[in-house]
Amino acid sequence: MSGEPAASGAGVPRVTLIDDGKSHDVFEVLAVTESLVRMRSAFLFEVGEEINVRIERDGRVSELGARVRAHVTDPGGQITELELFDQAAVAG
């Protein structure tokens, strides 16, 4: 992943929630960088909450930890920002 946000559409990586070892497609991904996911979801995540996500891009799959950084409102509705981190760094 580059440091630039992905444009909406075919170039946006697929991001899914990992819970209990299962992948759940609950995000409408708007943009992804190396350290941030901007998305919408029917689920309300608490600011500061940590979740696990799987990011699929160009045939590569990464599983990362994510911390809910903020909820912001734009004309299209509420956007949730997830700050990504390496799970191994936290587990180790």
N, C-alpha and C. Protein backbone atom coordinates (compact mmCIF):
# COMPACT_ATOMS: atom_id res chain seq x y z
N MET A 1 0.83 -1.18 0.00
CA MET A 1 0.00 0.00 0.00
C MET A 1 0.87 1.24 0.00
N SER A 2 0.50 2.20 -0.77
CA SER A 2 1.26 3.44 -0.81
C SER A 2 0.76 4.39 0.27
N GLY A 3 1.43 5.50 0.43
CA GLY A 3 1.00 6.50 1.39
C GLY A 3 -0.14 7.36 0.88
N GLU A 4 -0.51 7.19 -0.38
CA GLU A 4 -1.60 7.98 -0.96
C GLU A 4 -2.91 7.22 -0.82
N PRO A 5 -4.02 7.94 -0.54
CA PRO A 5 -5.32 7.28 -0.47
C PRO A 5 -5.68 6.67 -1.81
N ALA A 6 -6.36 5.54 -1.75
CA ALA A 6 -6.85 4.92 -2.97
C ALA A 6 -8.12 5.64 -3.40
N ALA A 7 -8.32 5.77 -4.69
CA ALA A 7 -9.54 6.38 -5.19
C ALA A 7 -10.69 5.40 -5.00
N SER A 8 -11.89 5.93 -4.83
CA SER A 8 -13.06 5.07 -4.68
C SER A 8 -13.28 4.28 -5.96
N GLY A 9 -13.66 3.01 -5.81
CA GLY A 9 -13.92 2.18 -6.98
C GLY A 9 -13.05 0.95 -6.98
N ALA A 10 -12.69 0.48 -8.19
CA ALA A 10 -11.99 -0.78 -8.35
C ALA A 10 -10.62 -0.79 -7.66
N GLY A 11 -9.95 0.38 -7.52
CA GLY A 11 -8.63 0.42 -6.94
C GLY A 11 -8.60 0.36 -5.43
N VAL A 12 -9.76 0.40 -4.78
CA VAL A 12 -9.81 0.41 -3.32
C VAL A 12 -9.64 -1.02 -2.80
N PRO A 13 -8.71 -1.23 -1.88
CA PRO A 13 -8.52 -2.57 -1.32
C PRO A 13 -9.77 -3.03 -0.58
N ARG A 14 -9.94 -4.32 -0.47
CA ARG A 14 -11.03 -4.89 0.30
C ARG A 14 -10.55 -4.98 1.76
N VAL A 15 -11.35 -4.46 2.67
CA VAL A 15 -11.03 -4.50 4.09
C VAL A 15 -12.19 -5.19 4.80
N THR A 16 -11.87 -6.24 5.55
CA THR A 16 -12.90 -6.97 6.29
C THR A 16 -12.54 -7.03 7.77
N LEU A 17 -13.57 -7.14 8.59
CA LEU A 17 -13.41 -7.29 10.03
C LEU A 17 -13.10 -8.74 10.34
N ILE A 18 -12.10 -8.99 11.19
CA ILE A 18 -11.79 -10.35 11.63
C ILE A 18 -12.28 -10.47 13.07
N ASP A 19 -13.20 -11.40 13.29
CA ASP A 19 -13.75 -11.62 14.62
C ASP A 19 -13.90 -13.11 14.83
N ASP A 20 -13.30 -13.62 15.88
CA ASP A 20 -13.37 -15.05 16.20
C ASP A 20 -12.85 -15.92 15.05
N GLY A 21 -11.81 -15.41 14.36
CA GLY A 21 -11.19 -16.15 13.28
C GLY A 21 -11.96 -16.11 11.96
N LYS A 22 -13.09 -15.40 11.93
CA LYS A 22 -13.90 -15.32 10.71
C LYS A 22 -13.85 -13.90 10.15
N SER A 23 -13.92 -13.82 8.83
CA SER A 23 -13.89 -12.54 8.13
C SER A 23 -15.32 -12.07 7.86
N HIS A 24 -15.61 -10.80 8.20
CA HIS A 24 -16.95 -10.24 8.01
C HIS A 24 -16.84 -8.98 7.16
N ASP A 25 -17.61 -8.93 6.09
CA ASP A 25 -17.59 -7.80 5.17
C ASP A 25 -18.59 -6.75 5.64
N VAL A 26 -18.14 -5.84 6.53
CA VAL A 26 -19.03 -4.86 7.16
C VAL A 26 -18.63 -3.42 6.87
N PHE A 27 -17.63 -3.22 6.01
CA PHE A 27 -17.13 -1.88 5.75
C PHE A 27 -17.41 -1.45 4.32
N GLU A 28 -17.75 -0.19 4.15
CA GLU A 28 -17.74 0.47 2.84
C GLU A 28 -16.46 1.30 2.84
N VAL A 29 -15.43 0.79 2.21
CA VAL A 29 -14.11 1.42 2.25
C VAL A 29 -14.07 2.60 1.30
N LEU A 30 -13.63 3.74 1.83
CA LEU A 30 -13.51 4.96 1.04
C LEU A 30 -12.07 5.22 0.61
N ALA A 31 -11.12 4.96 1.51
CA ALA A 31 -9.70 5.20 1.21
C ALA A 31 -8.85 4.39 2.17
N VAL A 32 -7.68 3.98 1.69
CA VAL A 32 -6.73 3.23 2.51
C VAL A 32 -5.33 3.76 2.24
N THR A 33 -4.56 4.01 3.31
CA THR A 33 -3.14 4.33 3.19
C THR A 33 -2.40 3.27 3.99
N GLU A 34 -1.10 3.43 4.15
CA GLU A 34 -0.33 2.47 4.94
C GLU A 34 -0.76 2.46 6.40
N SER A 35 -1.29 3.57 6.89
CA SER A 35 -1.59 3.67 8.32
C SER A 35 -3.03 4.02 8.65
N LEU A 36 -3.90 4.19 7.62
CA LEU A 36 -5.25 4.66 7.90
C LEU A 36 -6.26 4.08 6.93
N VAL A 37 -7.42 3.69 7.47
CA VAL A 37 -8.56 3.30 6.64
C VAL A 37 -9.69 4.27 6.95
N ARG A 38 -10.28 4.84 5.91
CA ARG A 38 -11.47 5.68 6.06
C ARG A 38 -12.62 4.87 5.49
N MET A 39 -13.67 4.65 6.31
CA MET A 39 -14.74 3.76 5.89
C MET A 39 -16.06 4.15 6.54
N ARG A 40 -17.11 3.55 6.02
CA ARG A 40 -18.44 3.64 6.62
C ARG A 40 -18.84 2.22 7.02
N SER A 41 -19.68 2.12 8.05
CA SER A 41 -20.16 0.82 8.49
C SER A 41 -21.49 1.00 9.21
N ALA A 42 -22.34 -0.01 9.11
CA ALA A 42 -23.59 -0.01 9.87
C ALA A 42 -23.31 -0.25 11.35
N PHE A 43 -22.13 -0.77 11.66
CA PHE A 43 -21.73 -1.02 13.04
C PHE A 43 -21.10 0.23 13.63
N LEU A 44 -21.40 0.51 14.87
CA LEU A 44 -20.81 1.66 15.56
C LEU A 44 -19.65 1.15 16.41
N PHE A 45 -18.45 1.59 16.08
CA PHE A 45 -17.26 1.24 16.84
C PHE A 45 -16.92 2.42 17.74
N GLU A 46 -16.49 2.14 18.96
CA GLU A 46 -16.13 3.18 19.92
C GLU A 46 -14.77 3.77 19.58
N VAL A 47 -14.62 5.08 19.75
CA VAL A 47 -13.31 5.70 19.58
C VAL A 47 -12.36 5.06 20.59
N GLY A 48 -11.21 4.64 20.13
CA GLY A 48 -10.23 3.95 20.97
C GLY A 48 -10.36 2.44 20.94
N GLU A 49 -11.45 1.92 20.43
CA GLU A 49 -11.66 0.46 20.34
C GLU A 49 -10.63 -0.14 19.37
N GLU A 50 -10.13 -1.32 19.69
CA GLU A 50 -9.19 -2.02 18.83
C GLU A 50 -9.87 -3.22 18.22
N ILE A 51 -9.70 -3.37 16.91
CA ILE A 51 -10.28 -4.49 16.16
C ILE A 51 -9.20 -5.07 15.27
N ASN A 52 -9.47 -6.22 14.70
CA ASN A 52 -8.57 -6.84 13.74
C ASN A 52 -9.20 -6.76 12.36
N VAL A 53 -8.38 -6.45 11.36
CA VAL A 53 -8.87 -6.34 9.99
C VAL A 53 -7.98 -7.12 9.04
N ARG A 54 -8.57 -7.52 7.92
CA ARG A 54 -7.83 -8.15 6.83
C ARG A 54 -7.92 -7.21 5.64
N ILE A 55 -6.78 -6.91 5.03
CA ILE A 55 -6.74 -6.03 3.87
C ILE A 55 -6.24 -6.85 2.68
N GLU A 56 -7.05 -6.86 1.61
CA GLU A 56 -6.71 -7.58 0.40
C GLU A 56 -6.49 -6.57 -0.72
N ARG A 57 -5.29 -6.61 -1.29
CA ARG A 57 -4.96 -5.68 -2.38
C ARG A 57 -3.97 -6.35 -3.33
N ASP A 58 -4.29 -6.32 -4.60
CA ASP A 58 -3.40 -6.84 -5.65
C ASP A 58 -2.91 -8.25 -5.35
N GLY A 59 -3.81 -9.11 -4.88
CA GLY A 59 -3.47 -10.49 -4.60
C GLY A 59 -2.74 -10.72 -3.29
N ARG A 60 -2.46 -9.67 -2.54
CA ARG A 60 -1.78 -9.80 -1.24
C ARG A 60 -2.79 -9.62 -0.12
N VAL A 61 -2.60 -10.37 0.95
CA VAL A 61 -3.49 -10.29 2.11
C VAL A 61 -2.66 -9.99 3.34
N SER A 62 -3.11 -9.00 4.11
CA SER A 62 -2.45 -8.64 5.37
C SER A 62 -3.49 -8.61 6.47
N GLU A 63 -3.12 -9.13 7.64
CA GLU A 63 -3.99 -9.01 8.80
C GLU A 63 -3.31 -8.06 9.78
N LEU A 64 -4.04 -7.02 10.16
CA LEU A 64 -3.50 -5.97 11.00
C LEU A 64 -4.46 -5.64 12.13
N GLY A 65 -3.92 -5.02 13.15
CA GLY A 65 -4.75 -4.44 14.19
C GLY A 65 -5.16 -3.05 13.74
N ALA A 66 -6.29 -2.59 14.24
CA ALA A 66 -6.76 -1.25 13.91
C ALA A 66 -7.40 -0.64 15.16
N ARG A 67 -7.12 0.63 15.35
CA ARG A 67 -7.69 1.38 16.47
C ARG A 67 -8.60 2.46 15.89
N VAL A 68 -9.82 2.54 16.41
CA VAL A 68 -10.75 3.57 15.94
C VAL A 68 -10.21 4.92 16.38
N ARG A 69 -9.83 5.73 15.41
CA ARG A 69 -9.21 7.02 15.69
C ARG A 69 -10.25 8.12 15.84
N ALA A 70 -11.26 8.11 14.99
CA ALA A 70 -12.25 9.20 15.02
C ALA A 70 -13.47 8.84 14.19
N HIS A 71 -14.55 9.56 14.45
CA HIS A 71 -15.74 9.56 13.60
C HIS A 71 -15.88 10.99 13.10
N VAL A 72 -15.96 11.16 11.80
CA VAL A 72 -16.14 12.49 11.24
C VAL A 72 -17.38 12.48 10.35
N THR A 73 -17.99 13.63 10.24
CA THR A 73 -19.19 13.74 9.42
C THR A 73 -18.86 14.53 8.16
N ASP A 74 -19.28 13.99 7.03
CA ASP A 74 -19.16 14.73 5.78
C ASP A 74 -20.54 14.74 5.12
N PRO A 75 -20.71 15.41 4.00
CA PRO A 75 -22.04 15.48 3.38
C PRO A 75 -22.65 14.11 3.07
N GLY A 76 -21.82 13.09 2.90
CA GLY A 76 -22.32 11.75 2.61
C GLY A 76 -22.67 10.94 3.84
N GLY A 77 -22.41 11.47 5.02
CA GLY A 77 -22.71 10.74 6.26
C GLY A 77 -21.47 10.60 7.12
N GLN A 78 -21.58 9.73 8.10
CA GLN A 78 -20.49 9.54 9.06
C GLN A 78 -19.40 8.64 8.50
N ILE A 79 -18.16 9.05 8.70
CA ILE A 79 -16.99 8.28 8.28
C ILE A 79 -16.22 7.89 9.54
N THR A 80 -15.79 6.65 9.60
CA THR A 80 -14.96 6.18 10.70
C THR A 80 -13.53 6.04 10.19
N GLU A 81 -12.58 6.53 10.97
CA GLU A 81 -11.16 6.41 10.63
C GLU A 81 -10.53 5.36 11.53
N LEU A 82 -9.89 4.38 10.90
CA LEU A 82 -9.17 3.32 11.62
C LEU A 82 -7.68 3.53 11.43
N GLU A 83 -6.96 3.61 12.52
CA GLU A 83 -5.51 3.72 12.51
C GLU A 83 -4.93 2.31 12.55
N LEU A 84 -4.15 1.93 11.55
CA LEU A 84 -3.63 0.56 11.44
C LEU A 84 -2.32 0.40 12.20
N PHE A 85 -2.14 -0.79 12.78
CA PHE A 85 -0.87 -1.12 13.42
C PHE A 85 -0.60 -2.61 13.24
N ASP A 86 0.64 -2.99 13.39
CA ASP A 86 1.07 -4.38 13.23
C ASP A 86 0.71 -5.17 14.47
N GLN A 87 -0.10 -6.22 14.30
CA GLN A 87 -0.51 -7.06 15.42
C GLN A 87 0.67 -7.68 16.14
N ALA A 88 1.71 -8.04 15.38
CA ALA A 88 2.89 -8.69 15.98
C ALA A 88 3.57 -7.76 16.98
N ALA A 89 3.57 -6.46 16.70
CA ALA A 89 4.21 -5.52 17.59
C ALA A 89 3.47 -5.45 18.94
N VAL A 90 2.17 -5.65 18.90
CA VAL A 90 1.37 -5.61 20.13
C VAL A 90 1.43 -6.95 20.85
N ALA A 91 1.37 -8.04 20.08
CA ALA A 91 1.36 -9.39 20.68
C ALA A 91 2.70 -9.74 21.30
N GLY A 92 3.80 -9.18 20.77
CA GLY A 92 5.13 -9.56 21.19
C GLY A 92 5.60 -8.84 22.34
